[in-house]
């Protein structure tokens, strides 16, 4: 009878330990799940942030390209204008040169 009582106490003790162990395991698993969920949320947030930044970068690149193209066009336009002015100046110089020659000829005729 005494052995039976010892066996019963031992079985109770073991059942109690197993129940505690099960409970700890459940809590631990629950904590792990919560941490995993948190990490998932953080990952999603970072992913959103990354895609926003990528969008901004692409946008910036596009605007930069547009601006570069506009500057290029403006520079070409100004170069053409400059060329036109040069040509005008050149022809003015030639006219002035002709006037000088005509004046010179007229003077020598007068002196003759």
N, C-alpha and C. Protein backbone atom coordinates (compact mmCIF):
# COMPACT_ATOMS: atom_id res chain seq x y z
N UNK A 1 0.85 -1.21 0.00
CA UNK A 1 0.00 0.00 0.00
C UNK A 1 0.88 1.25 0.00
N UNK A 2 1.96 1.18 0.75
CA UNK A 2 2.88 2.34 0.81
C UNK A 2 3.53 2.58 -0.56
N UNK A 3 3.91 1.51 -1.22
CA UNK A 3 4.50 1.60 -2.56
C UNK A 3 3.51 2.23 -3.53
N UNK A 4 2.23 1.81 -3.38
CA UNK A 4 1.17 2.34 -4.24
C UNK A 4 1.05 3.85 -4.06
N UNK A 5 1.11 4.29 -2.79
CA UNK A 5 1.00 5.72 -2.47
C UNK A 5 2.18 6.47 -3.10
N UNK A 6 3.38 5.90 -2.99
CA UNK A 6 4.58 6.52 -3.59
C UNK A 6 4.42 6.61 -5.10
N UNK A 7 3.98 5.52 -5.71
CA UNK A 7 3.79 5.51 -7.16
C UNK A 7 2.77 6.57 -7.59
N UNK A 8 1.68 6.68 -6.82
CA UNK A 8 0.64 7.66 -7.15
C UNK A 8 1.20 9.07 -7.05
N UNK A 9 1.96 9.33 -5.95
CA UNK A 9 2.55 10.68 -5.80
C UNK A 9 3.52 10.99 -6.95
N UNK A 10 4.30 10.00 -7.30
CA UNK A 10 5.27 10.16 -8.39
C UNK A 10 4.54 10.45 -9.71
N UNK A 11 3.44 9.72 -9.97
CA UNK A 11 2.65 9.91 -11.18
C UNK A 11 2.02 11.32 -11.18
N UNK A 12 1.50 11.74 -10.02
CA UNK A 12 0.92 13.10 -9.91
C UNK A 12 1.99 14.14 -10.22
N UNK A 13 3.15 13.97 -9.57
CA UNK A 13 4.27 14.92 -9.76
C UNK A 13 4.64 15.02 -11.24
N UNK A 14 4.75 13.84 -11.88
CA UNK A 14 5.12 13.82 -13.30
C UNK A 14 4.06 14.50 -14.16
N UNK A 15 2.81 14.23 -13.87
CA UNK A 15 1.71 14.84 -14.63
C UNK A 15 1.75 16.36 -14.47
N UNK A 16 2.05 16.81 -13.22
CA UNK A 16 2.14 18.25 -12.95
C UNK A 16 3.28 18.87 -13.77
N UNK A 17 4.45 18.24 -13.76
CA UNK A 17 5.59 18.75 -14.52
C UNK A 17 5.29 18.81 -16.01
N UNK A 18 4.66 17.75 -16.50
CA UNK A 18 4.34 17.71 -17.92
C UNK A 18 3.38 18.83 -18.29
N UNK A 19 2.38 19.06 -17.40
CA UNK A 19 1.42 20.14 -17.65
C UNK A 19 2.13 21.50 -17.68
N UNK A 20 3.04 21.71 -16.71
CA UNK A 20 3.81 22.97 -16.68
C UNK A 20 4.65 23.12 -17.94
N UNK A 21 5.30 22.02 -18.31
CA UNK A 21 6.15 22.04 -19.49
C UNK A 21 5.33 22.39 -20.74
N UNK A 22 4.16 21.74 -20.86
CA UNK A 22 3.25 22.03 -21.98
C UNK A 22 2.88 23.51 -22.00
N UNK A 23 2.52 24.04 -20.82
CA UNK A 23 2.10 25.46 -20.71
C UNK A 23 3.25 26.39 -21.14
N UNK A 24 4.46 26.11 -20.63
CA UNK A 24 5.62 26.93 -21.00
C UNK A 24 5.86 26.89 -22.51
N UNK A 25 5.73 25.67 -23.04
CA UNK A 25 5.90 25.52 -24.49
C UNK A 25 4.89 26.35 -25.26
N UNK A 26 3.62 26.29 -24.81
CA UNK A 26 2.57 27.06 -25.47
C UNK A 26 2.87 28.56 -25.43
N UNK A 27 3.27 29.04 -24.24
CA UNK A 27 3.60 30.47 -24.10
C UNK A 27 4.77 30.86 -25.01
N UNK A 28 5.79 30.00 -25.02
CA UNK A 28 6.97 30.27 -25.83
C UNK A 28 6.60 30.33 -27.31
N UNK A 29 5.80 29.37 -27.76
CA UNK A 29 5.35 29.36 -29.15
C UNK A 29 4.55 30.62 -29.47
N UNK A 30 3.69 31.01 -28.53
CA UNK A 30 2.88 32.21 -28.70
C UNK A 30 3.78 33.44 -28.86
N UNK A 31 4.80 33.56 -28.00
CA UNK A 31 5.74 34.68 -28.08
C UNK A 31 6.46 34.68 -29.44
N UNK A 32 6.90 33.49 -29.86
CA UNK A 32 7.60 33.40 -31.14
C UNK A 32 6.69 33.86 -32.28
N UNK A 33 5.44 33.43 -32.21
CA UNK A 33 4.48 33.82 -33.25
C UNK A 33 4.30 35.34 -33.28
N UNK A 34 4.15 35.92 -32.09
CA UNK A 34 3.99 37.38 -32.01
C UNK A 34 5.20 38.10 -32.59
N UNK A 35 6.41 37.60 -32.24
CA UNK A 35 7.64 38.22 -32.77
C UNK A 35 7.70 38.08 -34.28
N UNK A 36 7.31 36.90 -34.76
CA UNK A 36 7.32 36.67 -36.21
C UNK A 36 6.36 37.64 -36.91
N UNK A 37 5.17 37.83 -36.31
CA UNK A 37 4.20 38.78 -36.88
C UNK A 37 4.76 40.20 -36.90
N UNK A 38 5.39 40.58 -35.80
CA UNK A 38 6.01 41.91 -35.74
C UNK A 38 7.04 42.08 -36.85
N UNK A 39 7.90 41.06 -37.02
CA UNK A 39 8.92 41.12 -38.06
C UNK A 39 8.28 41.25 -39.44
N UNK A 40 7.21 40.49 -39.66
CA UNK A 40 6.49 40.58 -40.93
C UNK A 40 6.01 42.00 -41.18
N UNK A 41 5.43 42.61 -40.13
CA UNK A 41 4.94 43.99 -40.27
C UNK A 41 6.10 44.95 -40.58
N UNK A 42 7.21 44.77 -39.86
CA UNK A 42 8.37 45.64 -40.10
C UNK A 42 8.86 45.48 -41.53
N UNK A 43 8.91 44.23 -41.98
CA UNK A 43 9.36 43.96 -43.35
C UNK A 43 8.44 44.65 -44.35
N UNK A 44 7.13 44.53 -44.12
CA UNK A 44 6.16 45.17 -45.03
C UNK A 44 6.35 46.68 -45.05
N UNK A 45 6.55 47.28 -43.86
CA UNK A 45 6.76 48.73 -43.76
C UNK A 45 8.03 49.13 -44.52
N UNK A 46 9.12 48.39 -44.30
CA UNK A 46 10.38 48.69 -44.98
C UNK A 46 10.23 48.55 -46.49
N UNK A 47 9.51 47.52 -46.90
CA UNK A 47 9.29 47.28 -48.32
C UNK A 47 8.52 48.45 -48.95
N UNK A 48 7.49 48.93 -48.23
CA UNK A 48 6.72 50.10 -48.69
C UNK A 48 7.65 51.31 -48.84
N UNK A 49 8.46 51.52 -47.79
CA UNK A 49 9.38 52.66 -47.77
C UNK A 49 10.35 52.57 -48.95
N UNK A 50 10.88 51.36 -49.16
CA UNK A 50 11.84 51.15 -50.24
C UNK A 50 11.19 51.47 -51.59
N UNK A 51 9.94 51.01 -51.77
CA UNK A 51 9.31 51.25 -53.07
C UNK A 51 8.98 52.74 -53.26
N UNK A 52 8.64 53.44 -52.15
CA UNK A 52 8.42 54.89 -52.24
C UNK A 52 9.71 55.59 -52.67
N UNK A 53 10.82 55.20 -52.03
CA UNK A 53 12.11 55.81 -52.36
C UNK A 53 12.48 55.53 -53.81
N UNK A 54 12.22 54.29 -54.26
CA UNK A 54 12.52 53.92 -55.65
C UNK A 54 11.71 54.80 -56.60
N UNK A 55 10.44 55.02 -56.23
CA UNK A 55 9.56 55.87 -57.04
C UNK A 55 10.14 57.28 -57.13
N UNK A 56 10.53 57.82 -55.95
CA UNK A 56 11.10 59.17 -55.91
C UNK A 56 12.35 59.25 -56.77
N UNK A 57 13.17 58.22 -56.67
CA UNK A 57 14.42 58.20 -57.43
C UNK A 57 14.13 58.19 -58.93
N UNK A 58 13.20 57.31 -59.34
CA UNK A 58 12.84 57.24 -60.76
C UNK A 58 12.30 58.59 -61.24
N UNK A 59 11.44 59.18 -60.40
CA UNK A 59 10.85 60.48 -60.71
C UNK A 59 11.96 61.52 -60.90
N UNK A 60 12.90 61.52 -59.96
CA UNK A 60 14.01 62.47 -60.00
C UNK A 60 14.83 62.27 -61.28
N UNK A 61 15.11 60.99 -61.60
CA UNK A 61 15.88 60.69 -62.81
C UNK A 61 15.14 61.22 -64.04
N UNK A 62 13.82 61.01 -64.07
CA UNK A 62 13.02 61.45 -65.20
C UNK A 62 13.10 62.97 -65.35
N UNK A 63 12.88 63.68 -64.22
CA UNK A 63 12.93 65.15 -64.26
C UNK A 63 14.31 65.65 -64.67
N UNK A 64 15.34 64.97 -64.16
CA UNK A 64 16.71 65.36 -64.51
C UNK A 64 16.92 65.20 -66.02
N UNK A 65 16.44 64.08 -66.54
CA UNK A 65 16.59 63.84 -67.98
C UNK A 65 15.84 64.91 -68.78
N UNK A 66 14.61 65.23 -68.32
CA UNK A 66 13.82 66.27 -69.00
C UNK A 66 14.57 67.60 -68.99
N UNK A 67 15.06 67.96 -67.79
CA UNK A 67 15.77 69.23 -67.64
C UNK A 67 16.99 69.25 -68.55
N UNK A 68 17.72 68.12 -68.58
CA UNK A 68 18.92 68.03 -69.41
C UNK A 68 18.55 68.26 -70.88
N UNK A 69 17.47 67.61 -71.29
CA UNK A 69 17.01 67.74 -72.68
C UNK A 69 16.65 69.19 -72.98
N UNK A 70 15.93 69.82 -72.04
CA UNK A 70 15.53 71.22 -72.21
C UNK A 70 16.77 72.12 -72.34
N UNK A 71 17.78 71.87 -71.47
CA UNK A 71 19.01 72.67 -71.51
C UNK A 71 19.71 72.47 -72.84
N UNK A 72 19.74 71.22 -73.29
CA UNK A 72 20.37 70.89 -74.56
C UNK A 72 19.72 71.69 -75.69
N UNK A 73 18.39 71.65 -75.71
CA UNK A 73 17.62 72.36 -76.75
C UNK A 73 17.89 73.85 -76.68
N UNK A 74 17.87 74.40 -75.45
CA UNK A 74 18.12 75.83 -75.23
C UNK A 74 19.52 76.19 -75.75
N UNK A 75 20.51 75.33 -75.38
CA UNK A 75 21.89 75.60 -75.80
C UNK A 75 22.00 75.60 -77.32
N UNK A 76 21.34 74.62 -77.97
CA UNK A 76 21.37 74.57 -79.44
C UNK A 76 20.74 75.83 -80.03
N UNK A 77 19.61 76.22 -79.45
CA UNK A 77 18.90 77.42 -79.92
C UNK A 77 19.81 78.65 -79.82
N UNK A 78 20.45 78.80 -78.64
CA UNK A 78 21.34 79.94 -78.43
C UNK A 78 22.52 79.90 -79.40
N UNK A 79 23.04 78.69 -79.64
CA UNK A 79 24.16 78.55 -80.57
C UNK A 79 23.75 79.02 -81.95
N UNK A 80 22.54 78.63 -82.39
CA UNK A 80 22.04 79.08 -83.69
C UNK A 80 21.91 80.59 -83.73
N UNK A 81 21.35 81.16 -82.66
CA UNK A 81 21.20 82.63 -82.59
C UNK A 81 22.56 83.30 -82.70
N UNK A 82 23.51 82.75 -81.93
CA UNK A 82 24.86 83.32 -81.93
C UNK A 82 25.45 83.28 -83.34
N UNK A 83 25.28 82.15 -84.00
CA UNK A 83 25.76 81.97 -85.37
C UNK A 83 25.14 83.03 -86.30
N UNK A 84 23.83 83.22 -86.15
CA UNK A 84 23.12 84.21 -86.97
C UNK A 84 23.69 85.61 -86.72
N UNK A 85 23.91 85.95 -85.43
CA UNK A 85 24.47 87.26 -85.09
C UNK A 85 25.85 87.43 -85.71
N UNK A 86 26.66 86.36 -85.62
CA UNK A 86 28.01 86.41 -86.21
C UNK A 86 27.94 86.72 -87.69
N UNK A 87 27.03 86.01 -88.36
CA UNK A 87 26.88 86.22 -89.80
C UNK A 87 26.47 87.66 -90.10
N UNK A 88 25.52 88.18 -89.31
CA UNK A 88 25.08 89.57 -89.50
C UNK A 88 26.27 90.53 -89.31
N UNK A 89 27.04 90.29 -88.23
CA UNK A 89 28.19 91.14 -87.95
C UNK A 89 29.17 91.10 -89.12
N UNK A 90 29.41 89.87 -89.58
CA UNK A 90 30.33 89.67 -90.70
C UNK A 90 29.89 90.50 -91.91
N UNK A 91 28.59 90.44 -92.23
CA UNK A 91 28.11 91.18 -93.41
C UNK A 91 28.17 92.69 -93.16
N UNK A 92 27.92 93.12 -91.92
CA UNK A 92 28.05 94.55 -91.59
C UNK A 92 29.49 95.00 -91.83
N UNK A 93 30.45 94.16 -91.33
CA UNK A 93 31.87 94.49 -91.52
C UNK A 93 32.18 94.64 -93.01
N UNK A 94 31.66 93.72 -93.80
CA UNK A 94 31.91 93.79 -95.24
C UNK A 94 31.32 95.06 -95.83
N UNK A 95 30.10 95.41 -95.39
CA UNK A 95 29.48 96.66 -95.86
C UNK A 95 30.35 97.86 -95.50
N UNK A 96 30.79 97.87 -94.24
CA UNK A 96 31.63 98.99 -93.78
C UNK A 96 32.90 99.05 -94.63
N UNK A 97 33.47 97.89 -94.87
CA UNK A 97 34.67 97.79 -95.70
C UNK A 97 34.40 98.38 -97.09
N UNK A 98 33.25 98.01 -97.68
CA UNK A 98 32.87 98.54 -99.01
C UNK A 98 32.71 100.06 -98.96
N UNK A 99 32.05 100.56 -97.91
CA UNK A 99 31.89 102.02 -97.78
C UNK A 99 33.24 102.71 -97.75
N UNK A 100 34.18 102.10 -96.97
CA UNK A 100 35.52 102.69 -96.89
C UNK A 100 36.17 102.75 -98.26
N UNK A 101 36.06 101.64 -98.99
CA UNK A 101 36.67 101.58 -100.33
C UNK A 101 36.03 102.63 -101.25
N UNK A 102 34.68 102.70 -101.20
CA UNK A 102 33.97 103.68 -102.04
C UNK A 102 34.40 105.10 -101.68
N UNK A 103 34.50 105.34 -100.34
CA UNK A 103 34.90 106.68 -99.89
C UNK A 103 36.32 106.97 -100.37
N UNK A 104 37.18 105.97 -100.31
CA UNK A 104 38.57 106.10 -100.75
C UNK A 104 38.61 106.45 -102.24
N UNK A 105 37.83 105.69 -103.05
CA UNK A 105 37.78 105.93 -104.49
C UNK A 105 37.24 107.35 -104.77
N UNK A 106 36.20 107.71 -104.06
CA UNK A 106 35.59 109.03 -104.24
C UNK A 106 36.60 110.11 -103.92
N UNK A 107 37.37 109.93 -102.83
CA UNK A 107 38.37 110.91 -102.43
C UNK A 107 39.45 111.04 -103.51
N UNK A 108 39.92 109.89 -104.01
CA UNK A 108 40.99 109.98 -105.02
C UNK A 108 40.46 110.61 -106.30
N UNK A 109 39.18 110.43 -106.64
CA UNK A 109 38.60 111.07 -107.80
C UNK A 109 38.57 112.60 -107.61
N UNK A 110 38.22 112.96 -106.37
CA UNK A 110 38.14 114.38 -106.06
C UNK A 110 39.53 115.03 -106.18
N UNK A 111 40.52 114.28 -105.68
CA UNK A 111 41.86 114.82 -105.68
C UNK A 111 42.44 114.88 -107.09
N UNK A 112 41.99 113.98 -107.93
CA UNK A 112 42.53 113.90 -109.29
C UNK A 112 42.17 115.12 -110.12
